[in-house]
Amino acid sequence: MTRPAIPAPLKAMVTPAEDSFSDYKRVEKKALELLAALQATSPKKVDIELALLVAIFELHRGSIPPDTVGAIVQGHLKTLLSYYAAKTRRLDDPR
C-alpha cells in the first residue's frame, strides 16, 4: 500500500499582502526609471508633474469618472505626504 505524497513546504511562502507589496515595489522601480527618463527630456519639474498626472487620468479613462480619479490621487497624496514628512527634515528647521 502506497501513501500519498506530502508536498514539501514552499521555499518562499508569501502572503497575499507580501506578494502585492512585491508587485508594487516592481512598479515603483519602473516609475522611478520613467522619472529619470522624463528628467532627461525636460528640466522643468512642472512639465514632468503634469505629464505624470495626465498618465494617471489616462490609466483610468473609461473605467471611472475623472472626479473619482482626483479623489484617489488626493487620498494617495495624503498617505505619501505623511510618509515623506516623517522622513524629511523641514527646510526651515535650523537643526
PDB file of N, CA and C in Angstrom:
ATOM      1  N   MET A   1       0.835  -1.172   0.000  1.00  0.00           N
ATOM      2  CA  MET A   1       0.000   0.000   0.000  1.00  0.00           C
ATOM      3  C   MET A   1       0.885   1.241   0.000  1.00  0.00           C
ATOM      4  N   THR A   2       0.640   2.173  -0.933  1.00  0.00           N
ATOM      5  CA  THR A   2       1.443   3.389  -1.001  1.00  0.00           C
ATOM      6  C   THR A   2       0.731   4.534  -0.300  1.00  0.00           C
ATOM      7  N   ARG A   3       1.521   5.359   0.281  1.00  0.00           N
ATOM      8  CA  ARG A   3       0.976   6.532   0.968  1.00  0.00           C
ATOM      9  C   ARG A   3       1.004   7.728   0.029  1.00  0.00           C
ATOM     10  N   PRO A   4       0.021   8.615   0.141  1.00  0.00           N
ATOM     11  CA  PRO A   4       0.046   9.814  -0.695  1.00  0.00           C
ATOM     12  C   PRO A   4       1.254  10.683  -0.330  1.00  0.00           C
ATOM     13  N   ALA A   5       1.838  11.261  -1.342  1.00  0.00           N
ATOM     14  CA  ALA A   5       2.999  12.127  -1.114  1.00  0.00           C
ATOM     15  C   ALA A   5       2.571  13.388  -0.375  1.00  0.00           C
ATOM     16  N   ILE A   6       3.384  13.764   0.581  1.00  0.00           N
ATOM     17  CA  ILE A   6       3.142  15.007   1.316  1.00  0.00           C
ATOM     18  C   ILE A   6       3.993  16.082   0.643  1.00  0.00           C
ATOM     19  N   PRO A   7       3.353  17.143   0.170  1.00  0.00           N
ATOM     20  CA  PRO A   7       4.128  18.177  -0.520  1.00  0.00           C
ATOM     21  C   PRO A   7       5.132  18.843   0.408  1.00  0.00           C
ATOM     22  N   ALA A   8       6.308  19.104  -0.136  1.00  0.00           N
ATOM     23  CA  ALA A   8       7.334  19.804   0.624  1.00  0.00           C
ATOM     24  C   ALA A   8       6.927  21.267   0.778  1.00  0.00           C
ATOM     25  N   PRO A   9       7.287  21.892   1.889  1.00  0.00           N
ATOM     26  CA  PRO A   9       6.934  23.305   2.065  1.00  0.00           C
ATOM     27  C   PRO A   9       7.601  24.155   0.984  1.00  0.00           C
ATOM     28  N   LEU A  10       6.880  25.174   0.573  1.00  0.00           N
ATOM     29  CA  LEU A  10       7.448  26.089  -0.417  1.00  0.00           C
ATOM     30  C   LEU A  10       8.605  26.857   0.211  1.00  0.00           C
ATOM     31  N   LYS A  11       9.649  27.088  -0.579  1.00  0.00           N
ATOM     32  CA  LYS A  11      10.805  27.829  -0.068  1.00  0.00           C
ATOM     33  C   LYS A  11      10.400  29.224   0.372  1.00  0.00           C
ATOM     34  N   ALA A  12       9.680  29.899  -0.483  1.00  0.00           N
ATOM     35  CA  ALA A  12       9.320  31.280  -0.179  1.00  0.00           C
ATOM     36  C   ALA A  12       7.812  31.402  -0.104  1.00  0.00           C
ATOM     37  N   MET A  13       7.277  31.051   1.014  1.00  0.00           N
ATOM     38  CA  MET A  13       5.835  31.208   1.198  1.00  0.00           C
ATOM     39  C   MET A  13       5.573  32.682   1.462  1.00  0.00           C
ATOM     40  N   VAL A  14       4.791  33.287   0.614  1.00  0.00           N
ATOM     41  CA  VAL A  14       4.467  34.694   0.803  1.00  0.00           C
ATOM     42  C   VAL A  14       2.961  34.848   0.961  1.00  0.00           C
ATOM     43  N   THR A  15       2.597  35.807   1.777  1.00  0.00           N
ATOM     44  CA  THR A  15       1.181  36.103   1.967  1.00  0.00           C
ATOM     45  C   THR A  15       0.712  36.948   0.796  1.00  0.00           C
ATOM     46  N   PRO A  16      -0.589  37.026   0.592  1.00  0.00           N
ATOM     47  CA  PRO A  16      -1.091  37.905  -0.472  1.00  0.00           C
ATOM     48  C   PRO A  16      -0.626  39.352  -0.294  1.00  0.00           C
ATOM     49  N   ALA A  17      -0.551  39.814   0.948  1.00  0.00           N
ATOM     50  CA  ALA A  17      -0.091  41.188   1.195  1.00  0.00           C
ATOM     51  C   ALA A  17       1.368  41.352   0.781  1.00  0.00           C
ATOM     52  N   GLU A  18       2.196  40.357   1.104  1.00  0.00           N
ATOM     53  CA  GLU A  18       3.614  40.426   0.717  1.00  0.00           C
ATOM     54  C   GLU A  18       3.762  40.376  -0.794  1.00  0.00           C
ATOM     55  N   ASP A  19       2.978  39.545  -1.439  1.00  0.00           N
ATOM     56  CA  ASP A  19       3.017  39.429  -2.889  1.00  0.00           C
ATOM     57  C   ASP A  19       2.565  40.740  -3.535  1.00  0.00           C
ATOM     58  N   SER A  20       1.524  41.327  -2.989  1.00  0.00           N
ATOM     59  CA  SER A  20       1.017  42.597  -3.502  1.00  0.00           C
ATOM     60  C   SER A  20       2.063  43.695  -3.333  1.00  0.00           C
ATOM     61  N   PHE A  21       2.727  43.730  -2.171  1.00  0.00           N
ATOM     62  CA  PHE A  21       3.765  44.730  -1.925  1.00  0.00           C
ATOM     63  C   PHE A  21       4.935  44.525  -2.885  1.00  0.00           C
ATOM     64  N   SER A  22       5.270  43.278  -3.155  1.00  0.00           N
ATOM     65  CA  SER A  22       6.339  42.967  -4.095  1.00  0.00           C
ATOM     66  C   SER A  22       5.986  43.476  -5.492  1.00  0.00           C
ATOM     67  N   ASP A  23       4.729  43.275  -5.900  1.00  0.00           N
ATOM     68  CA  ASP A  23       4.266  43.809  -7.192  1.00  0.00           C
ATOM     69  C   ASP A  23       4.397  45.324  -7.208  1.00  0.00           C
ATOM     70  N   TYR A  24       3.952  45.955  -6.121  1.00  0.00           N
ATOM     71  CA  TYR A  24       4.047  47.412  -6.019  1.00  0.00           C
ATOM     72  C   TYR A  24       5.500  47.884  -6.148  1.00  0.00           C
ATOM     73  N   LYS A  25       6.413  47.225  -5.465  1.00  0.00           N
ATOM     74  CA  LYS A  25       7.824  47.648  -5.500  1.00  0.00           C
ATOM     75  C   LYS A  25       8.394  47.525  -6.912  1.00  0.00           C
ATOM     76  N   ARG A  26       7.983  46.505  -7.674  1.00  0.00           N
ATOM     77  CA  ARG A  26       8.431  46.379  -9.072  1.00  0.00           C
ATOM     78  C   ARG A  26       7.917  47.546  -9.907  1.00  0.00           C
ATOM     79  N   VAL A  27       6.657  47.903  -9.706  1.00  0.00           N
ATOM     80  CA  VAL A  27       6.069  49.025 -10.455  1.00  0.00           C
ATOM     81  C   VAL A  27       6.715  50.337 -10.015  1.00  0.00           C
ATOM     82  N   GLU A  28       6.957  50.498  -8.728  1.00  0.00           N
ATOM     83  CA  GLU A  28       7.606  51.715  -8.227  1.00  0.00           C
ATOM     84  C   GLU A  28       8.994  51.868  -8.857  1.00  0.00           C
ATOM     85  N   LYS A  29       9.737  50.784  -8.959  1.00  0.00           N
ATOM     86  CA  LYS A  29      11.065  50.835  -9.573  1.00  0.00           C
ATOM     87  C   LYS A  29      10.972  51.325 -11.017  1.00  0.00           C
ATOM     88  N   LYS A  30       9.992  50.794 -11.766  1.00  0.00           N
ATOM     89  CA  LYS A  30       9.787  51.226 -13.157  1.00  0.00           C
ATOM     90  C   LYS A  30       9.396  52.698 -13.218  1.00  0.00           C
ATOM     91  N   ALA A  31       8.561  53.142 -12.280  1.00  0.00           N
ATOM     92  CA  ALA A  31       8.142  54.547 -12.252  1.00  0.00           C
ATOM     93  C   ALA A  31       9.333  55.468 -12.018  1.00  0.00           C
ATOM     94  N   LEU A  32      10.245  55.052 -11.156  1.00  0.00           N
ATOM     95  CA  LEU A  32      11.438  55.872 -10.901  1.00  0.00           C
ATOM     96  C   LEU A  32      12.365  55.890 -12.112  1.00  0.00           C
ATOM     97  N   GLU A  33      12.400  54.783 -12.864  1.00  0.00           N
ATOM     98  CA  GLU A  33      13.160  54.765 -14.121  1.00  0.00           C
ATOM     99  C   GLU A  33      12.520  55.714 -15.131  1.00  0.00           C
ATOM    100  N   LEU A  34      11.193  55.714 -15.179  1.00  0.00           N
ATOM    101  CA  LEU A  34      10.469  56.628 -16.052  1.00  0.00           C
ATOM    102  C   LEU A  34      10.747  58.075 -15.655  1.00  0.00           C
ATOM    103  N   LEU A  35      10.770  58.347 -14.364  1.00  0.00           N
ATOM    104  CA  LEU A  35      11.084  59.694 -13.887  1.00  0.00           C
ATOM    105  C   LEU A  35      12.454  60.141 -14.379  1.00  0.00           C
ATOM    106  N   ALA A  36      13.432  59.271 -14.300  1.00  0.00           N
ATOM    107  CA  ALA A  36      14.782  59.605 -14.779  1.00  0.00           C
ATOM    108  C   ALA A  36      14.752  59.925 -16.276  1.00  0.00           C
ATOM    109  N   ALA A  37      13.980  59.157 -17.044  1.00  0.00           N
ATOM    110  CA  ALA A  37      13.865  59.425 -18.482  1.00  0.00           C
ATOM    111  C   ALA A  37      13.171  60.761 -18.729  1.00  0.00           C
ATOM    112  N   LEU A  38      12.146  61.065 -17.945  1.00  0.00           N
ATOM    113  CA  LEU A  38      11.454  62.346 -18.097  1.00  0.00           C
ATOM    114  C   LEU A  38      12.374  63.513 -17.742  1.00  0.00           C
ATOM    115  N   GLN A  39      13.177  63.353 -16.711  1.00  0.00           N
ATOM    116  CA  GLN A  39      14.116  64.407 -16.318  1.00  0.00           C
ATOM    117  C   GLN A  39      15.152  64.641 -17.407  1.00  0.00           C
ATOM    118  N   ALA A  40      15.496  63.603 -18.139  1.00  0.00           N
ATOM    119  CA  ALA A  40      16.436  63.750 -19.253  1.00  0.00           C
ATOM    120  C   ALA A  40      15.764  64.445 -20.438  1.00  0.00           C
ATOM    121  N   THR A  41      14.445  64.408 -20.497  1.00  0.00           N
ATOM    122  CA  THR A  41      13.688  65.014 -21.582  1.00  0.00           C
ATOM    123  C   THR A  41      13.416  66.496 -21.327  1.00  0.00           C
ATOM    124  N   SER A  42      13.112  66.846 -20.073  1.00  0.00           N
ATOM    125  CA  SER A  42      12.776  68.232 -19.737  1.00  0.00           C
ATOM    126  C   SER A  42      13.311  68.577 -18.356  1.00  0.00           C
ATOM    127  N   PRO A  43      13.927  69.735 -18.230  1.00  0.00           N
ATOM    128  CA  PRO A  43      14.393  70.158 -16.903  1.00  0.00           C
ATOM    129  C   PRO A  43      13.275  70.776 -16.061  1.00  0.00           C
ATOM    130  N   LYS A  44      12.106  71.009 -16.670  1.00  0.00           N
ATOM    131  CA  LYS A  44      11.016  71.681 -15.960  1.00  0.00           C
ATOM    132  C   LYS A  44      10.194  70.675 -15.150  1.00  0.00           C
ATOM    133  N   LYS A  45      10.250  70.839 -13.837  1.00  0.00           N
ATOM    134  CA  LYS A  45       9.514  69.932 -12.949  1.00  0.00           C
ATOM    135  C   LYS A  45       8.023  70.006 -13.205  1.00  0.00           C
ATOM    136  N   VAL A  46       7.500  71.195 -13.507  1.00  0.00           N
ATOM    137  CA  VAL A  46       6.061  71.331 -13.721  1.00  0.00           C
ATOM    138  C   VAL A  46       5.621  70.515 -14.933  1.00  0.00           C
ATOM    139  N   ASP A  47       6.430  70.449 -15.986  1.00  0.00           N
ATOM    140  CA  ASP A  47       6.093  69.630 -17.157  1.00  0.00           C
ATOM    141  C   ASP A  47       6.006  68.157 -16.776  1.00  0.00           C
ATOM    142  N   ILE A  48       6.961  67.709 -15.984  1.00  0.00           N
ATOM    143  CA  ILE A  48       7.001  66.309 -15.561  1.00  0.00           C
ATOM    144  C   ILE A  48       5.823  66.001 -14.645  1.00  0.00           C
ATOM    145  N   GLU A  49       5.537  66.893 -13.701  1.00  0.00           N
ATOM    146  CA  GLU A  49       4.417  66.695 -12.787  1.00  0.00           C
ATOM    147  C   GLU A  49       3.098  66.556 -13.549  1.00  0.00           C
ATOM    148  N   LEU A  50       2.868  67.471 -14.470  1.00  0.00           N
ATOM    149  CA  LEU A  50       1.617  67.429 -15.236  1.00  0.00           C
ATOM    150  C   LEU A  50       1.532  66.183 -16.104  1.00  0.00           C
ATOM    151  N   ALA A  51       2.639  65.801 -16.717  1.00  0.00           N
ATOM    152  CA  ALA A  51       2.649  64.603 -17.559  1.00  0.00           C
ATOM    153  C   ALA A  51       2.332  63.351 -16.734  1.00  0.00           C
ATOM    154  N   LEU A  52       2.876  63.270 -15.526  1.00  0.00           N
ATOM    155  CA  LEU A  52       2.594  62.117 -14.669  1.00  0.00           C
ATOM    156  C   LEU A  52       1.128  62.092 -14.227  1.00  0.00           C
ATOM    157  N   LEU A  53       0.576  63.269 -13.935  1.00  0.00           N
ATOM    158  CA  LEU A  53      -0.840  63.329 -13.568  1.00  0.00           C
ATOM    159  C   LEU A  53      -1.734  62.950 -14.747  1.00  0.00           C
ATOM    160  N   VAL A  54      -1.384  63.402 -15.943  1.00  0.00           N
ATOM    161  CA  VAL A  54      -2.134  63.020 -17.141  1.00  0.00           C
ATOM    162  C   VAL A  54      -2.105  61.498 -17.299  1.00  0.00           C
ATOM    163  N   ALA A  55      -0.948  60.902 -17.058  1.00  0.00           N
ATOM    164  CA  ALA A  55      -0.830  59.444 -17.172  1.00  0.00           C
ATOM    165  C   ALA A  55      -1.781  58.735 -16.205  1.00  0.00           C
ATOM    166  N   ILE A  56      -1.967  59.282 -15.018  1.00  0.00           N
ATOM    167  CA  ILE A  56      -2.884  58.679 -14.047  1.00  0.00           C
ATOM    168  C   ILE A  56      -4.322  58.761 -14.561  1.00  0.00           C
ATOM    169  N   PHE A  57      -4.699  59.918 -15.099  1.00  0.00           N
ATOM    170  CA  PHE A  57      -6.047  60.040 -15.647  1.00  0.00           C
ATOM    171  C   PHE A  57      -6.234  59.103 -16.838  1.00  0.00           C
ATOM    172  N   GLU A  58      -5.219  58.974 -17.669  1.00  0.00           N
ATOM    173  CA  GLU A  58      -5.304  58.064 -18.821  1.00  0.00           C
ATOM    174  C   GLU A  58      -5.398  56.604 -18.374  1.00  0.00           C
ATOM    175  N   LEU A  59      -4.741  56.271 -17.287  1.00  0.00           N
ATOM    176  CA  LEU A  59      -4.803  54.916 -16.737  1.00  0.00           C
ATOM    177  C   LEU A  59      -6.252  54.512 -16.433  1.00  0.00           C
ATOM    178  N   HIS A  60      -7.041  55.467 -15.964  1.00  0.00           N
ATOM    179  CA  HIS A  60      -8.413  55.198 -15.540  1.00  0.00           C
ATOM    180  C   HIS A  60      -9.471  55.600 -16.572  1.00  0.00           C
ATOM    181  N   ARG A  61      -9.043  56.139 -17.717  1.00  0.00           N
ATOM    182  CA  ARG A  61     -10.004  56.624 -18.711  1.00  0.00           C
ATOM    183  C   ARG A  61     -10.978  55.517 -19.100  1.00  0.00           C
ATOM    184  N   GLY A  62     -12.251  55.884 -19.076  1.00  0.00           N
ATOM    185  CA  GLY A  62     -13.282  54.947 -19.484  1.00  0.00           C
ATOM    186  C   GLY A  62     -13.733  53.967 -18.409  1.00  0.00           C
ATOM    187  N   SER A  63     -13.029  53.933 -17.280  1.00  0.00           N
ATOM    188  CA  SER A  63     -13.427  52.985 -16.237  1.00  0.00           C
ATOM    189  C   SER A  63     -14.031  53.675 -15.021  1.00  0.00           C
ATOM    190  N   ILE A  64     -13.553  54.861 -14.696  1.00  0.00           N
ATOM    191  CA  ILE A  64     -14.129  55.633 -13.587  1.00  0.00           C
ATOM    192  C   ILE A  64     -14.129  57.104 -13.974  1.00  0.00           C
ATOM    193  N   PRO A  65     -15.032  57.890 -13.376  1.00  0.00           N
ATOM    194  CA  PRO A  65     -15.100  59.315 -13.724  1.00  0.00           C
ATOM    195  C   PRO A  65     -13.868  60.092 -13.248  1.00  0.00           C
ATOM    196  N   PRO A  66     -13.551  61.186 -13.946  1.00  0.00           N
ATOM    197  CA  PRO A  66     -12.379  61.994 -13.577  1.00  0.00           C
ATOM    198  C   PRO A  66     -12.395  62.481 -12.130  1.00  0.00           C
ATOM    199  N   ASP A  67     -13.561  62.837 -11.592  1.00  0.00           N
ATOM    200  CA  ASP A  67     -13.575  63.309 -10.209  1.00  0.00           C
ATOM    201  C   ASP A  67     -13.204  62.193  -9.232  1.00  0.00           C
ATOM    202  N   THR A  68     -13.512  60.956  -9.581  1.00  0.00           N
ATOM    203  CA  THR A  68     -13.103  59.817  -8.748  1.00  0.00           C
ATOM    204  C   THR A  68     -11.592  59.625  -8.831  1.00  0.00           C
ATOM    205  N   VAL A  69     -11.033  59.809 -10.022  1.00  0.00           N
ATOM    206  CA  VAL A  69      -9.567  59.726 -10.176  1.00  0.00           C
ATOM    207  C   VAL A  69      -8.909  60.784  -9.297  1.00  0.00           C
ATOM    208  N   GLY A  70      -9.444  61.997  -9.331  1.00  0.00           N
ATOM    209  CA  GLY A  70      -8.904  63.072  -8.498  1.00  0.00           C
ATOM    210  C   GLY A  70      -8.962  62.726  -7.017  1.00  0.00           C
ATOM    211  N   ALA A  71     -10.053  62.127  -6.582  1.00  0.00           N
ATOM    212  CA  ALA A  71     -10.187  61.740  -5.170  1.00  0.00           C
ATOM    213  C   ALA A  71      -9.179  60.648  -4.807  1.00  0.00           C
ATOM    214  N   ILE A  72      -8.971  59.722  -5.716  1.00  0.00           N
ATOM    215  CA  ILE A  72      -7.982  58.663  -5.485  1.00  0.00           C
ATOM    216  C   ILE A  72      -6.590  59.271  -5.341  1.00  0.00           C
ATOM    217  N   VAL A  73      -6.254  60.175  -6.250  1.00  0.00           N
ATOM    218  CA  VAL A  73      -4.931  60.829  -6.211  1.00  0.00           C
ATOM    219  C   VAL A  73      -4.769  61.593  -4.905  1.00  0.00           C
ATOM    220  N   GLN A  74      -5.802  62.328  -4.495  1.00  0.00           N
ATOM    221  CA  GLN A  74      -5.720  63.078  -3.238  1.00  0.00           C
ATOM    222  C   GLN A  74      -5.520  62.147  -2.047  1.00  0.00           C
ATOM    223  N   GLY A  75      -6.193  61.013  -2.050  1.00  0.00           N
ATOM    224  CA  GLY A  75      -6.011  60.044  -0.967  1.00  0.00           C
ATOM    225  C   GLY A  75      -4.599  59.501  -0.919  1.00  0.00           C
ATOM    226  N   HIS A  76      -4.057  59.170  -2.090  1.00  0.00           N
ATOM    227  CA  HIS A  76      -2.673  58.687  -2.140  1.00  0.00           C
ATOM    228  C   HIS A  76      -1.704  59.777  -1.681  1.00  0.00           C
ATOM    229  N   LEU A  77      -1.969  61.022  -2.084  1.00  0.00           N
ATOM    230  CA  LEU A  77      -1.092  62.127  -1.680  1.00  0.00           C
ATOM    231  C   LEU A  77      -1.090  62.319  -0.164  1.00  0.00           C
ATOM    232  N   LYS A  78      -2.245  62.171   0.467  1.00  0.00           N
ATOM    233  CA  LYS A  78      -2.304  62.291   1.933  1.00  0.00           C
ATOM    234  C   LYS A  78      -1.426  61.242   2.586  1.00  0.00           C
ATOM    235  N   THR A  79      -1.498  60.024   2.092  1.00  0.00           N
ATOM    236  CA  THR A  79      -0.693  58.938   2.640  1.00  0.00           C
ATOM    237  C   THR A  79       0.796  59.206   2.429  1.00  0.00           C
ATOM    238  N   LEU A  80       1.141  59.590   1.207  1.00  0.00           N
ATOM    239  CA  LEU A  80       2.552  59.833   0.890  1.00  0.00           C
ATOM    240  C   LEU A  80       3.098  61.056   1.616  1.00  0.00           C
ATOM    241  N   LEU A  81       2.265  62.073   1.785  1.00  0.00           N
ATOM    242  CA  LEU A  81       2.712  63.280   2.473  1.00  0.00           C
ATOM    243  C   LEU A  81       3.161  62.961   3.889  1.00  0.00           C
ATOM    244  N   SER A  82       2.378  62.181   4.615  1.00  0.00           N
ATOM    245  CA  SER A  82       2.776  61.853   5.989  1.00  0.00           C
ATOM    246  C   SER A  82       4.037  60.990   5.998  1.00  0.00           C
ATOM    247  N   TYR A  83       4.168  60.090   5.016  1.00  0.00           N
ATOM    248  CA  TYR A  83       5.366  59.247   4.916  1.00  0.00           C
ATOM    249  C   TYR A  83       6.611  60.100   4.656  1.00  0.00           C
ATOM    250  N   TYR A  84       6.546  60.974   3.657  1.00  0.00           N
ATOM    251  CA  TYR A  84       7.703  61.792   3.320  1.00  0.00           C
ATOM    252  C   TYR A  84       7.977  62.870   4.355  1.00  0.00           C
ATOM    253  N   ALA A  85       6.941  63.397   4.980  1.00  0.00           N
ATOM    254  CA  ALA A  85       7.131  64.405   6.032  1.00  0.00           C
ATOM    255  C   ALA A  85       7.902  63.805   7.203  1.00  0.00           C
ATOM    256  N   ALA A  86       7.616  62.561   7.523  1.00  0.00           N
ATOM    257  CA  ALA A  86       8.315  61.900   8.631  1.00  0.00           C
ATOM    258  C   ALA A  86       9.779  61.630   8.292  1.00  0.00           C
ATOM    259  N   LYS A  87      10.082  61.445   7.007  1.00  0.00           N
ATOM    260  CA  LYS A  87      11.445  61.123   6.589  1.00  0.00           C
ATOM    261  C   LYS A  87      12.299  62.349   6.289  1.00  0.00           C
ATOM    262  N   THR A  88      11.673  63.497   6.079  1.00  0.00           N
ATOM    263  CA  THR A  88      12.381  64.676   5.591  1.00  0.00           C
ATOM    264  C   THR A  88      12.440  65.759   6.656  1.00  0.00           C
ATOM    265  N   ARG A  89      13.632  66.285   6.845  1.00  0.00           N
ATOM    266  CA  ARG A  89      13.784  67.423   7.744  1.00  0.00           C
ATOM    267  C   ARG A  89      13.256  68.656   7.037  1.00  0.00           C
ATOM    268  N   ARG A  90      12.509  69.459   7.729  1.00  0.00           N
ATOM    269  CA  ARG A  90      11.968  70.674   7.130  1.00  0.00           C
ATOM    270  C   ARG A  90      13.103  71.610   6.738  1.00  0.00           C
ATOM    271  N   LEU A  91      12.929  72.301   5.620  1.00  0.00           N
ATOM    272  CA  LEU A  91      13.965  73.222   5.132  1.00  0.00           C
ATOM    273  C   LEU A  91      14.173  74.391   6.081  1.00  0.00           C
ATOM    274  N   ASP A  92      13.137  74.763   6.846  1.00  0.00           N
ATOM    275  CA  ASP A  92      13.273  75.893   7.763  1.00  0.00           C
ATOM    276  C   ASP A  92      13.683  75.457   9.166  1.00  0.00           C
ATOM    277  N   ASP A  93      13.991  74.164   9.339  1.00  0.00           N
ATOM    278  CA  ASP A  93      14.428  73.648  10.640  1.00  0.00           C
ATOM    279  C   ASP A  93      15.923  73.909  10.783  1.00  0.00           C
ATOM    280  N   PRO A  94      16.340  74.694  11.779  1.00  0.00           N
ATOM    281  CA  PRO A  94      17.767  75.051  11.926  1.00  0.00           C
ATOM    282  C   PRO A  94      18.657  73.912  12.417  1.00  0.00           C
ATOM    283  N   ARG A  95      18.081  72.771  12.816  1.00  0.00           N
ATOM    284  CA  ARG A  95      18.904  71.680  13.357  1.00  0.00           C
ATOM    285  C   ARG A  95      19.811  71.113  12.347  1.00  0.00           C
TER     286      ARG A  95
END
